[in-house]
Amino acid sequence: MDGAPLWLINTFGVVAGLCSMTSFVPQIWKISRTRDATGVSLRMYAVTIVGFICWTVFGVLSQSWPVTLANAICLVLVSIIFVLRLRFGGGSG
């Protein structure tokens, strides 16, 4: 997309980030409400945390504020799920 205006590029970045961030909220809400995280994969969220760390660093290095902000917030959200899984998950995996 040569020549796409920066506002359009950033708009898509913001919308994508909002969708990503919003997707984790129901899981946090459910675990918090039920105090049960046995169905949550600890390994999957560990890999997801590493992925969001990498995306956040990529955003900083590329000076893309939508990438940086969205992935930093997603990192916090998936870290919350990870901690909730450790607290309410019982067992490993």
N, C-alpha and C. Protein backbone atom coordinates (compact mmCIF):
# COMPACT_ATOMS: atom_id res chain seq x y z
N MET A 1 0.84 -1.18 0.00
CA MET A 1 0.00 0.00 0.00
C MET A 1 0.88 1.24 0.00
N ASP A 2 1.62 1.42 -1.05
CA ASP A 2 2.43 2.63 -1.14
C ASP A 2 1.55 3.86 -1.14
N GLY A 3 1.95 4.82 -0.36
CA GLY A 3 1.25 6.09 -0.34
C GLY A 3 0.04 6.14 0.56
N ALA A 4 -0.23 5.10 1.34
CA ALA A 4 -1.37 5.15 2.26
C ALA A 4 -1.09 6.20 3.33
N PRO A 5 -2.07 7.01 3.64
CA PRO A 5 -1.84 8.04 4.67
C PRO A 5 -1.59 7.42 6.04
N LEU A 6 -0.76 8.10 6.81
CA LEU A 6 -0.39 7.61 8.14
C LEU A 6 -1.61 7.45 9.04
N TRP A 7 -2.58 8.34 8.94
CA TRP A 7 -3.78 8.23 9.78
C TRP A 7 -4.53 6.94 9.50
N LEU A 8 -4.55 6.49 8.22
CA LEU A 8 -5.24 5.26 7.86
C LEU A 8 -4.49 4.05 8.41
N ILE A 9 -3.19 4.07 8.27
CA ILE A 9 -2.35 3.00 8.79
C ILE A 9 -2.53 2.89 10.31
N ASN A 10 -2.45 4.02 11.00
CA ASN A 10 -2.61 4.02 12.46
C ASN A 10 -4.02 3.62 12.89
N THR A 11 -5.03 3.99 12.11
CA THR A 11 -6.40 3.59 12.42
C THR A 11 -6.54 2.08 12.41
N PHE A 12 -5.99 1.44 11.39
CA PHE A 12 -6.04 -0.03 11.35
C PHE A 12 -5.26 -0.63 12.51
N GLY A 13 -4.14 -0.02 12.87
CA GLY A 13 -3.36 -0.49 14.01
C GLY A 13 -4.13 -0.38 15.31
N VAL A 14 -4.82 0.73 15.49
CA VAL A 14 -5.61 0.94 16.71
C VAL A 14 -6.78 -0.05 16.77
N VAL A 15 -7.49 -0.23 15.67
CA VAL A 15 -8.62 -1.17 15.65
C VAL A 15 -8.14 -2.59 15.92
N ALA A 16 -7.03 -2.98 15.30
CA ALA A 16 -6.48 -4.32 15.54
C ALA A 16 -6.09 -4.48 17.01
N GLY A 17 -5.47 -3.46 17.57
CA GLY A 17 -5.08 -3.51 18.97
C GLY A 17 -6.28 -3.61 19.90
N LEU A 18 -7.33 -2.84 19.61
CA LEU A 18 -8.54 -2.90 20.44
C LEU A 18 -9.18 -4.28 20.39
N CYS A 19 -9.19 -4.88 19.20
CA CYS A 19 -9.74 -6.23 19.08
C CYS A 19 -8.92 -7.22 19.89
N SER A 20 -7.59 -7.12 19.81
CA SER A 20 -6.72 -8.03 20.57
C SER A 20 -6.92 -7.85 22.06
N MET A 21 -6.93 -6.59 22.50
CA MET A 21 -7.08 -6.33 23.93
C MET A 21 -8.43 -6.83 24.44
N THR A 22 -9.47 -6.56 23.71
CA THR A 22 -10.82 -6.94 24.11
C THR A 22 -10.97 -8.45 24.20
N SER A 23 -10.24 -9.19 23.39
CA SER A 23 -10.39 -10.64 23.35
C SER A 23 -9.98 -11.32 24.66
N PHE A 24 -9.12 -10.69 25.45
CA PHE A 24 -8.66 -11.31 26.69
C PHE A 24 -9.56 -10.99 27.89
N VAL A 25 -10.35 -9.96 27.80
CA VAL A 25 -11.16 -9.51 28.93
C VAL A 25 -12.18 -10.57 29.38
N PRO A 26 -12.90 -11.24 28.48
CA PRO A 26 -13.86 -12.25 28.95
C PRO A 26 -13.19 -13.39 29.74
N GLN A 27 -11.98 -13.77 29.34
CA GLN A 27 -11.28 -14.84 30.07
C GLN A 27 -10.92 -14.38 31.48
N ILE A 28 -10.42 -13.15 31.61
CA ILE A 28 -10.10 -12.61 32.93
C ILE A 28 -11.37 -12.53 33.78
N TRP A 29 -12.43 -12.03 33.19
CA TRP A 29 -13.70 -11.89 33.90
C TRP A 29 -14.21 -13.24 34.40
N LYS A 30 -14.16 -14.25 33.51
CA LYS A 30 -14.66 -15.58 33.88
C LYS A 30 -13.83 -16.19 35.00
N ILE A 31 -12.51 -16.13 34.89
CA ILE A 31 -11.66 -16.71 35.94
C ILE A 31 -11.88 -15.98 37.26
N SER A 32 -11.96 -14.66 37.21
CA SER A 32 -12.17 -13.88 38.43
C SER A 32 -13.50 -14.21 39.09
N ARG A 33 -14.51 -14.39 38.27
CA ARG A 33 -15.85 -14.66 38.79
C ARG A 33 -15.98 -16.08 39.34
N THR A 34 -15.44 -17.07 38.62
CA THR A 34 -15.62 -18.47 39.02
C THR A 34 -14.50 -19.00 39.92
N ARG A 35 -13.38 -18.28 39.94
CA ARG A 35 -12.19 -18.73 40.68
C ARG A 35 -11.72 -20.10 40.19
N ASP A 36 -11.91 -20.33 38.90
CA ASP A 36 -11.52 -21.61 38.29
C ASP A 36 -10.80 -21.33 36.97
N ALA A 37 -9.58 -21.80 36.85
CA ALA A 37 -8.81 -21.61 35.62
C ALA A 37 -8.25 -22.94 35.12
N THR A 38 -8.89 -24.03 35.49
CA THR A 38 -8.36 -25.34 35.12
C THR A 38 -8.34 -25.56 33.61
N GLY A 39 -9.21 -24.91 32.87
CA GLY A 39 -9.26 -25.09 31.43
C GLY A 39 -8.30 -24.20 30.66
N VAL A 40 -7.52 -23.39 31.35
CA VAL A 40 -6.60 -22.46 30.69
C VAL A 40 -5.23 -23.11 30.56
N SER A 41 -4.68 -23.09 29.37
CA SER A 41 -3.38 -23.69 29.11
C SER A 41 -2.26 -22.77 29.59
N LEU A 42 -1.53 -23.22 30.60
CA LEU A 42 -0.41 -22.46 31.13
C LEU A 42 0.69 -22.29 30.09
N ARG A 43 0.99 -23.33 29.36
CA ARG A 43 2.04 -23.26 28.33
C ARG A 43 1.66 -22.29 27.22
N MET A 44 0.42 -22.31 26.79
CA MET A 44 -0.01 -21.42 25.72
C MET A 44 0.14 -19.97 26.15
N TYR A 45 -0.26 -19.65 27.38
CA TYR A 45 -0.15 -18.27 27.84
C TYR A 45 1.30 -17.87 28.08
N ALA A 46 2.15 -18.81 28.44
CA ALA A 46 3.58 -18.52 28.58
C ALA A 46 4.17 -18.12 27.22
N VAL A 47 3.82 -18.87 26.19
CA VAL A 47 4.29 -18.54 24.84
C VAL A 47 3.69 -17.21 24.38
N THR A 48 2.42 -16.97 24.70
CA THR A 48 1.76 -15.72 24.33
C THR A 48 2.44 -14.52 24.99
N ILE A 49 2.85 -14.68 26.24
CA ILE A 49 3.56 -13.61 26.94
C ILE A 49 4.86 -13.27 26.21
N VAL A 50 5.61 -14.29 25.84
CA VAL A 50 6.86 -14.05 25.10
C VAL A 50 6.57 -13.35 23.78
N GLY A 51 5.52 -13.78 23.10
CA GLY A 51 5.13 -13.14 21.84
C GLY A 51 4.80 -11.67 22.01
N PHE A 52 4.04 -11.33 23.05
CA PHE A 52 3.68 -9.92 23.27
C PHE A 52 4.88 -9.10 23.73
N ILE A 53 5.82 -9.71 24.43
CA ILE A 53 7.05 -9.00 24.76
C ILE A 53 7.78 -8.65 23.46
N CYS A 54 7.89 -9.61 22.57
CA CYS A 54 8.57 -9.37 21.29
C CYS A 54 7.85 -8.31 20.46
N TRP A 55 6.53 -8.37 20.39
CA TRP A 55 5.77 -7.37 19.63
C TRP A 55 5.91 -5.98 20.23
N THR A 56 5.95 -5.91 21.56
CA THR A 56 6.11 -4.61 22.22
C THR A 56 7.49 -4.02 21.90
N VAL A 57 8.52 -4.84 21.99
CA VAL A 57 9.86 -4.38 21.64
C VAL A 57 9.92 -3.98 20.17
N PHE A 58 9.30 -4.77 19.30
CA PHE A 58 9.25 -4.43 17.87
C PHE A 58 8.60 -3.07 17.68
N GLY A 59 7.50 -2.83 18.37
CA GLY A 59 6.80 -1.55 18.25
C GLY A 59 7.67 -0.39 18.69
N VAL A 60 8.41 -0.58 19.79
CA VAL A 60 9.31 0.47 20.27
C VAL A 60 10.41 0.72 19.24
N LEU A 61 11.03 -0.36 18.77
CA LEU A 61 12.14 -0.21 17.83
C LEU A 61 11.71 0.38 16.49
N SER A 62 10.49 0.06 16.07
CA SER A 62 9.99 0.59 14.80
C SER A 62 9.26 1.92 14.97
N GLN A 63 9.19 2.39 16.21
CA GLN A 63 8.55 3.65 16.54
C GLN A 63 7.08 3.70 16.08
N SER A 64 6.40 2.57 16.27
CA SER A 64 4.98 2.48 15.92
C SER A 64 4.17 2.46 17.21
N TRP A 65 3.56 3.62 17.53
CA TRP A 65 2.83 3.70 18.79
C TRP A 65 1.62 2.76 18.86
N PRO A 66 0.88 2.51 17.76
CA PRO A 66 -0.23 1.56 17.90
C PRO A 66 0.26 0.15 18.24
N VAL A 67 1.35 -0.28 17.62
CA VAL A 67 1.89 -1.61 17.89
C VAL A 67 2.40 -1.68 19.32
N THR A 68 3.15 -0.67 19.73
CA THR A 68 3.72 -0.65 21.08
C THR A 68 2.63 -0.65 22.14
N LEU A 69 1.70 0.27 22.05
CA LEU A 69 0.68 0.42 23.09
C LEU A 69 -0.24 -0.81 23.15
N ALA A 70 -0.73 -1.24 22.01
CA ALA A 70 -1.65 -2.38 22.00
C ALA A 70 -0.99 -3.63 22.56
N ASN A 71 0.23 -3.89 22.15
CA ASN A 71 0.89 -5.11 22.61
C ASN A 71 1.35 -5.01 24.05
N ALA A 72 1.69 -3.82 24.53
CA ALA A 72 2.03 -3.65 25.94
C ALA A 72 0.79 -3.92 26.81
N ILE A 73 -0.36 -3.42 26.38
CA ILE A 73 -1.60 -3.67 27.13
C ILE A 73 -1.97 -5.15 27.07
N CYS A 74 -1.84 -5.76 25.89
CA CYS A 74 -2.12 -7.19 25.77
C CYS A 74 -1.16 -8.00 26.64
N LEU A 75 0.08 -7.57 26.74
CA LEU A 75 1.04 -8.24 27.61
C LEU A 75 0.57 -8.22 29.06
N VAL A 76 0.06 -7.09 29.50
CA VAL A 76 -0.47 -7.00 30.87
C VAL A 76 -1.67 -7.94 31.04
N LEU A 77 -2.57 -7.94 30.07
CA LEU A 77 -3.77 -8.77 30.17
C LEU A 77 -3.44 -10.26 30.18
N VAL A 78 -2.56 -10.71 29.29
CA VAL A 78 -2.22 -12.14 29.28
C VAL A 78 -1.41 -12.52 30.52
N SER A 79 -0.66 -11.58 31.05
CA SER A 79 0.07 -11.85 32.29
C SER A 79 -0.90 -12.03 33.45
N ILE A 80 -1.97 -11.24 33.45
CA ILE A 80 -3.01 -11.41 34.48
C ILE A 80 -3.63 -12.80 34.37
N ILE A 81 -3.95 -13.22 33.15
CA ILE A 81 -4.52 -14.56 32.96
C ILE A 81 -3.54 -15.63 33.42
N PHE A 82 -2.26 -15.45 33.11
CA PHE A 82 -1.23 -16.40 33.52
C PHE A 82 -1.19 -16.52 35.05
N VAL A 83 -1.18 -15.38 35.72
CA VAL A 83 -1.15 -15.37 37.19
C VAL A 83 -2.43 -16.00 37.76
N LEU A 84 -3.57 -15.68 37.17
CA LEU A 84 -4.83 -16.28 37.62
C LEU A 84 -4.82 -17.79 37.42
N ARG A 85 -4.23 -18.21 36.32
CA ARG A 85 -4.12 -19.67 36.06
C ARG A 85 -3.26 -20.33 37.11
N LEU A 86 -2.15 -19.67 37.49
CA LEU A 86 -1.29 -20.23 38.54
C LEU A 86 -2.04 -20.29 39.88
N ARG A 87 -2.85 -19.28 40.12
CA ARG A 87 -3.57 -19.20 41.41
C ARG A 87 -4.77 -20.13 41.47
N PHE A 88 -5.54 -20.19 40.40
CA PHE A 88 -6.80 -20.94 40.43
C PHE A 88 -6.84 -22.17 39.52
N GLY A 89 -5.71 -22.54 38.95
CA GLY A 89 -5.71 -23.62 37.96
C GLY A 89 -5.51 -25.01 38.51
N GLY A 90 -4.80 -25.12 39.59
CA GLY A 90 -4.51 -26.46 40.10
C GLY A 90 -3.71 -27.27 39.11
N GLY A 91 -2.74 -27.97 39.51
CA GLY A 91 -1.96 -28.81 38.62
C GLY A 91 -1.14 -28.04 37.61
N SER A 92 -0.56 -28.73 36.65
CA SER A 92 0.27 -28.08 35.62
C SER A 92 -0.37 -28.24 34.26
N GLY A 93 0.21 -27.54 33.28
CA GLY A 93 -0.24 -27.71 31.91
C GLY A 93 -1.12 -26.63 31.49
